[in-house]
Amino acid sequence: MLQRITAYLLIVALVSANFSRFFIYAGFELNRNYIATKLCENRNKPQLHCNGKCYFMKKLKQAEDNKSTEERQAQKNLFQEAFYNQASKVTFYTVLLSVTKVPNYRIALPQLIQDIYQPPRLA
């Protein structure tokens, strides 16, 4: 039972993280009248026909900024520094390759021409 609840919570967390723009849009559509009358920056200028879109764009930009800062923070956490506190021993070799002799055995191919390799004859 606990595993099932944990799985559902993880699925909801993944969906909410990936579809945050859609949640913002749904919230805007559900509260469009309230946003247009109370929260809109251009509510005193009805000739612009903003109807709360300025507030919607501001929220989208804020969500993208939050997402980009979270990604940068996650990348910073992945960066690790390695410190090796032992003196390294460097050796230089004068001969890099050694030549070895490989015996050269030749394979003798048959020299006979047989009738099997002739193309079929048309009647």
N, C-alpha and C. Protein backbone atom coordinates (compact mmCIF):
# COMPACT_ATOMS: atom_id res chain seq x y z
N MET A 1 0.82 -1.19 0.00
CA MET A 1 0.00 0.00 0.00
C MET A 1 0.86 1.26 0.00
N LEU A 2 1.91 1.23 0.81
CA LEU A 2 2.82 2.38 0.90
C LEU A 2 3.56 2.60 -0.42
N GLN A 3 3.91 1.51 -1.09
CA GLN A 3 4.58 1.62 -2.39
C GLN A 3 3.66 2.25 -3.43
N ARG A 4 2.41 1.89 -3.41
CA ARG A 4 1.44 2.43 -4.37
C ARG A 4 1.25 3.94 -4.15
N ILE A 5 1.15 4.35 -2.89
CA ILE A 5 1.00 5.78 -2.58
C ILE A 5 2.25 6.54 -3.00
N THR A 6 3.42 5.96 -2.75
CA THR A 6 4.67 6.59 -3.16
C THR A 6 4.74 6.72 -4.68
N ALA A 7 4.31 5.70 -5.39
CA ALA A 7 4.32 5.75 -6.85
C ALA A 7 3.39 6.83 -7.36
N TYR A 8 2.19 6.96 -6.77
CA TYR A 8 1.26 8.00 -7.19
C TYR A 8 1.83 9.39 -6.91
N LEU A 9 2.46 9.56 -5.77
CA LEU A 9 3.04 10.85 -5.44
C LEU A 9 4.17 11.22 -6.40
N LEU A 10 4.98 10.25 -6.76
CA LEU A 10 6.06 10.51 -7.72
C LEU A 10 5.51 10.86 -9.10
N ILE A 11 4.46 10.18 -9.51
CA ILE A 11 3.84 10.49 -10.81
C ILE A 11 3.27 11.90 -10.81
N VAL A 12 2.60 12.28 -9.75
CA VAL A 12 2.03 13.63 -9.64
C VAL A 12 3.15 14.67 -9.64
N ALA A 13 4.25 14.39 -8.95
CA ALA A 13 5.37 15.33 -8.90
C ALA A 13 5.99 15.51 -10.29
N LEU A 14 6.17 14.42 -11.02
CA LEU A 14 6.73 14.52 -12.36
C LEU A 14 5.81 15.27 -13.32
N VAL A 15 4.53 14.97 -13.23
CA VAL A 15 3.56 15.63 -14.12
C VAL A 15 3.49 17.12 -13.80
N SER A 16 3.47 17.47 -12.54
CA SER A 16 3.37 18.89 -12.19
C SER A 16 4.63 19.65 -12.58
N ALA A 17 5.78 19.00 -12.52
CA ALA A 17 7.01 19.68 -12.91
C ALA A 17 7.08 19.88 -14.42
N ASN A 18 6.63 18.91 -15.17
CA ASN A 18 6.73 19.00 -16.62
C ASN A 18 5.61 19.83 -17.26
N PHE A 19 4.46 19.89 -16.62
CA PHE A 19 3.32 20.58 -17.20
C PHE A 19 2.95 21.84 -16.41
N SER A 20 3.93 22.52 -15.84
CA SER A 20 3.63 23.71 -15.05
C SER A 20 3.03 24.82 -15.92
N ARG A 21 3.45 24.91 -17.17
CA ARG A 21 2.89 25.93 -18.07
C ARG A 21 1.40 25.69 -18.29
N PHE A 22 1.00 24.44 -18.40
CA PHE A 22 -0.40 24.13 -18.62
C PHE A 22 -1.24 24.43 -17.37
N PHE A 23 -0.65 24.22 -16.19
CA PHE A 23 -1.35 24.56 -14.96
C PHE A 23 -1.53 26.06 -14.84
N ILE A 24 -0.52 26.82 -15.24
CA ILE A 24 -0.64 28.28 -15.21
C ILE A 24 -1.73 28.73 -16.18
N TYR A 25 -1.75 28.13 -17.36
CA TYR A 25 -2.77 28.49 -18.35
C TYR A 25 -4.17 28.13 -17.86
N ALA A 26 -4.30 26.96 -17.23
CA ALA A 26 -5.61 26.55 -16.71
C ALA A 26 -6.06 27.48 -15.60
N GLY A 27 -5.14 27.88 -14.73
CA GLY A 27 -5.49 28.83 -13.67
C GLY A 27 -5.89 30.18 -14.23
N PHE A 28 -5.23 30.59 -15.31
CA PHE A 28 -5.59 31.85 -15.94
C PHE A 28 -6.98 31.78 -16.56
N GLU A 29 -7.27 30.69 -17.24
CA GLU A 29 -8.59 30.54 -17.87
C GLU A 29 -9.71 30.45 -16.84
N LEU A 30 -9.45 29.78 -15.72
CA LEU A 30 -10.49 29.65 -14.70
C LEU A 30 -10.75 30.97 -13.98
N ASN A 31 -9.73 31.80 -13.83
CA ASN A 31 -9.86 33.05 -13.07
C ASN A 31 -9.70 34.28 -13.96
N ARG A 32 -10.07 34.17 -15.21
CA ARG A 32 -9.84 35.25 -16.17
C ARG A 32 -10.54 36.55 -15.75
N ASN A 33 -11.77 36.48 -15.31
CA ASN A 33 -12.50 37.70 -14.92
C ASN A 33 -11.86 38.38 -13.71
N TYR A 34 -11.48 37.59 -12.72
CA TYR A 34 -10.84 38.16 -11.53
C TYR A 34 -9.50 38.79 -11.89
N ILE A 35 -8.71 38.11 -12.70
CA ILE A 35 -7.40 38.64 -13.10
C ILE A 35 -7.57 39.92 -13.90
N ALA A 36 -8.53 39.95 -14.82
CA ALA A 36 -8.73 41.13 -15.66
C ALA A 36 -9.21 42.33 -14.85
N THR A 37 -9.99 42.10 -13.81
CA THR A 37 -10.53 43.23 -13.04
C THR A 37 -9.65 43.64 -11.87
N LYS A 38 -8.92 42.72 -11.29
CA LYS A 38 -8.16 43.04 -10.06
C LYS A 38 -6.65 43.05 -10.24
N LEU A 39 -6.08 42.13 -11.03
CA LEU A 39 -4.63 41.96 -11.08
C LEU A 39 -3.96 42.51 -12.34
N CYS A 40 -4.72 42.82 -13.35
CA CYS A 40 -4.16 43.26 -14.62
C CYS A 40 -3.51 44.64 -14.47
N GLU A 41 -2.34 44.81 -15.08
CA GLU A 41 -1.66 46.10 -15.04
C GLU A 41 -2.36 47.14 -15.91
N ASN A 42 -3.05 46.70 -16.95
CA ASN A 42 -3.70 47.61 -17.88
C ASN A 42 -5.22 47.66 -17.67
N ARG A 43 -5.69 47.42 -16.44
CA ARG A 43 -7.14 47.42 -16.20
C ARG A 43 -7.76 48.81 -16.35
N ASN A 44 -6.95 49.87 -16.23
CA ASN A 44 -7.45 51.23 -16.40
C ASN A 44 -7.43 51.68 -17.86
N LYS A 45 -6.91 50.83 -18.75
CA LYS A 45 -6.83 51.16 -20.17
C LYS A 45 -7.60 50.11 -20.98
N PRO A 46 -8.90 50.18 -21.04
CA PRO A 46 -9.69 49.14 -21.72
C PRO A 46 -9.47 49.14 -23.24
N GLN A 47 -8.92 50.21 -23.81
CA GLN A 47 -8.69 50.24 -25.25
C GLN A 47 -7.57 49.29 -25.69
N LEU A 48 -6.74 48.82 -24.75
CA LEU A 48 -5.66 47.88 -25.09
C LEU A 48 -6.17 46.44 -25.24
N HIS A 49 -7.34 46.15 -24.70
CA HIS A 49 -7.92 44.80 -24.75
C HIS A 49 -6.96 43.74 -24.20
N CYS A 50 -6.33 44.07 -23.09
CA CYS A 50 -5.37 43.15 -22.46
C CYS A 50 -6.09 41.98 -21.80
N ASN A 51 -7.13 42.28 -21.05
CA ASN A 51 -7.94 41.26 -20.36
C ASN A 51 -7.12 40.29 -19.53
N GLY A 52 -6.05 40.77 -18.90
CA GLY A 52 -5.24 39.95 -18.01
C GLY A 52 -4.11 39.19 -18.67
N LYS A 53 -3.91 39.38 -19.96
CA LYS A 53 -2.83 38.65 -20.65
C LYS A 53 -1.45 39.10 -20.17
N CYS A 54 -1.34 40.35 -19.74
CA CYS A 54 -0.05 40.82 -19.21
C CYS A 54 0.31 40.05 -17.94
N TYR A 55 -0.66 39.83 -17.10
CA TYR A 55 -0.45 39.05 -15.87
C TYR A 55 -0.09 37.61 -16.20
N PHE A 56 -0.77 37.05 -17.20
CA PHE A 56 -0.50 35.67 -17.63
C PHE A 56 0.93 35.54 -18.16
N MET A 57 1.36 36.50 -18.99
CA MET A 57 2.73 36.45 -19.53
C MET A 57 3.76 36.61 -18.42
N LYS A 58 3.45 37.45 -17.45
CA LYS A 58 4.38 37.64 -16.33
C LYS A 58 4.54 36.35 -15.54
N LYS A 59 3.44 35.65 -15.32
CA LYS A 59 3.50 34.37 -14.58
C LYS A 59 4.26 33.31 -15.38
N LEU A 60 4.06 33.26 -16.69
CA LEU A 60 4.80 32.30 -17.52
C LEU A 60 6.30 32.58 -17.47
N LYS A 61 6.68 33.85 -17.57
CA LYS A 61 8.10 34.21 -17.52
C LYS A 61 8.68 33.86 -16.16
N GLN A 62 7.92 34.11 -15.10
CA GLN A 62 8.38 33.77 -13.76
C GLN A 62 8.58 32.27 -13.60
N ALA A 63 7.68 31.46 -14.16
CA ALA A 63 7.81 30.01 -14.08
C ALA A 63 9.04 29.53 -14.86
N GLU A 64 9.29 30.12 -16.04
CA GLU A 64 10.46 29.72 -16.82
C GLU A 64 11.75 30.13 -16.12
N ASP A 65 11.77 31.29 -15.49
CA ASP A 65 12.95 31.72 -14.74
C ASP A 65 13.23 30.77 -13.58
N ASN A 66 12.16 30.38 -12.88
CA ASN A 66 12.33 29.43 -11.76
C ASN A 66 12.87 28.09 -12.26
N LYS A 67 12.36 27.64 -13.40
CA LYS A 67 12.81 26.37 -13.95
C LYS A 67 14.28 26.45 -14.37
N SER A 68 14.68 27.56 -14.98
CA SER A 68 16.07 27.68 -15.43
C SER A 68 17.02 27.79 -14.24
N THR A 69 16.62 28.50 -13.18
CA THR A 69 17.48 28.57 -12.00
C THR A 69 17.58 27.21 -11.31
N GLU A 70 16.50 26.45 -11.31
CA GLU A 70 16.56 25.11 -10.72
C GLU A 70 17.48 24.21 -11.54
N GLU A 71 17.45 24.34 -12.87
CA GLU A 71 18.33 23.53 -13.70
C GLU A 71 19.79 23.90 -13.47
N ARG A 72 20.07 25.21 -13.36
CA ARG A 72 21.45 25.63 -13.09
C ARG A 72 21.93 25.13 -11.74
N GLN A 73 21.04 25.20 -10.75
CA GLN A 73 21.40 24.71 -9.42
C GLN A 73 21.66 23.21 -9.44
N ALA A 74 20.86 22.47 -10.21
CA ALA A 74 21.07 21.02 -10.31
C ALA A 74 22.39 20.71 -10.99
N GLN A 75 22.76 21.51 -12.01
CA GLN A 75 24.04 21.29 -12.68
C GLN A 75 25.20 21.63 -11.76
N LYS A 76 25.04 22.64 -10.91
CA LYS A 76 26.10 22.97 -9.95
C LYS A 76 26.29 21.83 -8.96
N ASN A 77 25.19 21.21 -8.57
CA ASN A 77 25.29 20.11 -7.61
C ASN A 77 25.95 18.89 -8.23
N LEU A 78 25.85 18.74 -9.56
CA LEU A 78 26.47 17.59 -10.21
C LEU A 78 27.98 17.77 -10.36
N PHE A 79 28.45 19.01 -10.33
CA PHE A 79 29.88 19.28 -10.52
C PHE A 79 30.63 18.90 -9.25
N GLN A 80 31.65 18.08 -9.42
CA GLN A 80 32.45 17.66 -8.28
C GLN A 80 33.91 17.89 -8.60
N GLU A 81 34.64 18.30 -7.60
CA GLU A 81 36.07 18.49 -7.75
C GLU A 81 36.79 17.29 -7.18
N ALA A 82 37.83 16.87 -7.88
CA ALA A 82 38.62 15.74 -7.40
C ALA A 82 40.00 16.26 -7.01
N PHE A 83 40.46 15.87 -5.86
CA PHE A 83 41.79 16.28 -5.38
C PHE A 83 42.56 15.01 -5.08
N TYR A 84 43.66 14.85 -5.80
CA TYR A 84 44.49 13.67 -5.65
C TYR A 84 45.75 14.10 -4.94
N ASN A 85 45.99 13.61 -3.73
CA ASN A 85 47.07 14.10 -2.88
C ASN A 85 48.26 13.16 -2.85
N GLN A 86 48.59 12.56 -3.97
CA GLN A 86 49.74 11.67 -4.01
C GLN A 86 50.61 12.09 -5.18
N ALA A 87 51.91 12.11 -4.95
CA ALA A 87 52.83 12.52 -6.01
C ALA A 87 52.80 11.49 -7.13
N SER A 88 52.71 11.98 -8.33
CA SER A 88 52.66 11.05 -9.46
C SER A 88 54.07 10.80 -9.99
N LYS A 89 54.29 9.61 -10.45
CA LYS A 89 55.59 9.20 -10.96
C LYS A 89 55.51 9.18 -12.48
N VAL A 90 56.32 9.99 -13.12
CA VAL A 90 56.30 10.10 -14.57
C VAL A 90 57.57 9.45 -15.10
N THR A 91 57.42 8.52 -16.01
CA THR A 91 58.57 7.87 -16.64
C THR A 91 58.49 8.05 -18.14
N PHE A 92 59.62 8.32 -18.75
CA PHE A 92 59.70 8.48 -20.20
C PHE A 92 60.46 7.29 -20.78
N TYR A 93 59.88 6.66 -21.76
CA TYR A 93 60.49 5.51 -22.39
C TYR A 93 61.12 5.94 -23.71
N THR A 94 62.31 5.43 -23.97
CA THR A 94 62.97 5.79 -25.22
C THR A 94 62.48 4.92 -26.37
N VAL A 95 62.19 3.65 -26.10
CA VAL A 95 61.69 2.76 -27.13
C VAL A 95 60.21 2.53 -26.87
N LEU A 96 59.40 2.96 -27.81
CA LEU A 96 57.97 2.81 -27.62
C LEU A 96 57.44 1.53 -28.24
N LEU A 97 58.04 1.12 -29.34
CA LEU A 97 57.57 -0.07 -30.03
C LEU A 97 58.71 -1.08 -30.13
N SER A 98 58.35 -2.32 -30.02
CA SER A 98 59.34 -3.37 -30.25
C SER A 98 58.87 -4.18 -31.45
N VAL A 99 59.80 -4.47 -32.34
CA VAL A 99 59.48 -5.19 -33.57
C VAL A 99 59.67 -6.67 -33.31
N THR A 100 58.64 -7.43 -33.59
CA THR A 100 58.74 -8.88 -33.47
C THR A 100 58.56 -9.49 -34.85
N LYS A 101 59.27 -10.56 -35.08
CA LYS A 101 59.19 -11.23 -36.38
C LYS A 101 58.07 -12.27 -36.33
N VAL A 102 57.22 -12.20 -37.34
CA VAL A 102 56.11 -13.13 -37.46
C VAL A 102 56.42 -14.06 -38.62
N PRO A 103 56.31 -15.37 -38.42
CA PRO A 103 56.59 -16.27 -39.53
C PRO A 103 55.58 -16.07 -40.66
N ASN A 104 56.08 -16.13 -41.88
CA ASN A 104 55.25 -15.88 -43.05
C ASN A 104 54.98 -17.22 -43.73
N TYR A 105 53.88 -17.85 -43.35
CA TYR A 105 53.51 -19.11 -43.99
C TYR A 105 52.55 -18.81 -45.12
N ARG A 106 52.91 -19.29 -46.31
CA ARG A 106 52.03 -19.07 -47.46
C ARG A 106 51.12 -20.27 -47.63
N ILE A 107 49.91 -19.97 -48.01
CA ILE A 107 48.94 -21.03 -48.25
C ILE A 107 48.92 -21.31 -49.74
N ALA A 108 49.11 -22.55 -50.10
CA ALA A 108 49.11 -22.93 -51.51
C ALA A 108 47.68 -23.17 -51.96
N LEU A 109 47.23 -22.38 -52.94
CA LEU A 109 45.89 -22.54 -53.49
C LEU A 109 45.93 -23.56 -54.61
N PRO A 110 44.85 -24.31 -54.81
CA PRO A 110 44.86 -25.30 -55.89
C PRO A 110 44.94 -24.60 -57.25
N GLN A 111 45.68 -25.19 -58.16
CA GLN A 111 45.89 -24.61 -59.48
C GLN A 111 45.02 -25.26 -60.55
N LEU A 112 44.21 -26.23 -60.19
CA LEU A 112 43.39 -26.93 -61.16
C LEU A 112 42.13 -26.15 -61.47
N ILE A 113 41.76 -26.06 -62.75
CA ILE A 113 40.51 -25.46 -63.17
C ILE A 113 39.52 -26.59 -63.35
N GLN A 114 38.42 -26.52 -62.68
CA GLN A 114 37.46 -27.60 -62.75
C GLN A 114 36.25 -27.16 -63.55
N ASP A 115 35.47 -28.15 -64.02
CA ASP A 115 34.29 -27.88 -64.82
C ASP A 115 33.11 -27.35 -63.99
N ILE A 116 33.20 -27.35 -62.69
CA ILE A 116 32.10 -26.90 -61.84
C ILE A 116 31.85 -25.41 -62.02
N TYR A 117 32.87 -24.65 -62.29
CA TYR A 117 32.76 -23.21 -62.33
C TYR A 117 32.29 -22.66 -63.67
N GLN A 118 31.91 -23.50 -64.61
CA GLN A 118 31.43 -23.02 -65.90
C GLN A 118 29.97 -22.63 -65.79
N PRO A 119 29.55 -21.59 -66.53
CA PRO A 119 28.13 -21.19 -66.47
C PRO A 119 27.27 -22.24 -67.18
N PRO A 120 25.99 -22.30 -66.87
CA PRO A 120 25.10 -23.28 -67.51
C PRO A 120 24.92 -22.95 -68.98
N ARG A 121 24.73 -23.98 -69.76
CA ARG A 121 24.55 -23.81 -71.19
C ARG A 121 23.08 -23.76 -71.52
N LEU A 122 22.72 -22.83 -72.40
CA LEU A 122 21.35 -22.74 -72.86
C LEU A 122 21.17 -23.61 -74.09
N ALA A 123 20.09 -24.35 -74.19
CA ALA A 123 19.89 -25.30 -75.30
C ALA A 123 19.58 -24.64 -76.57
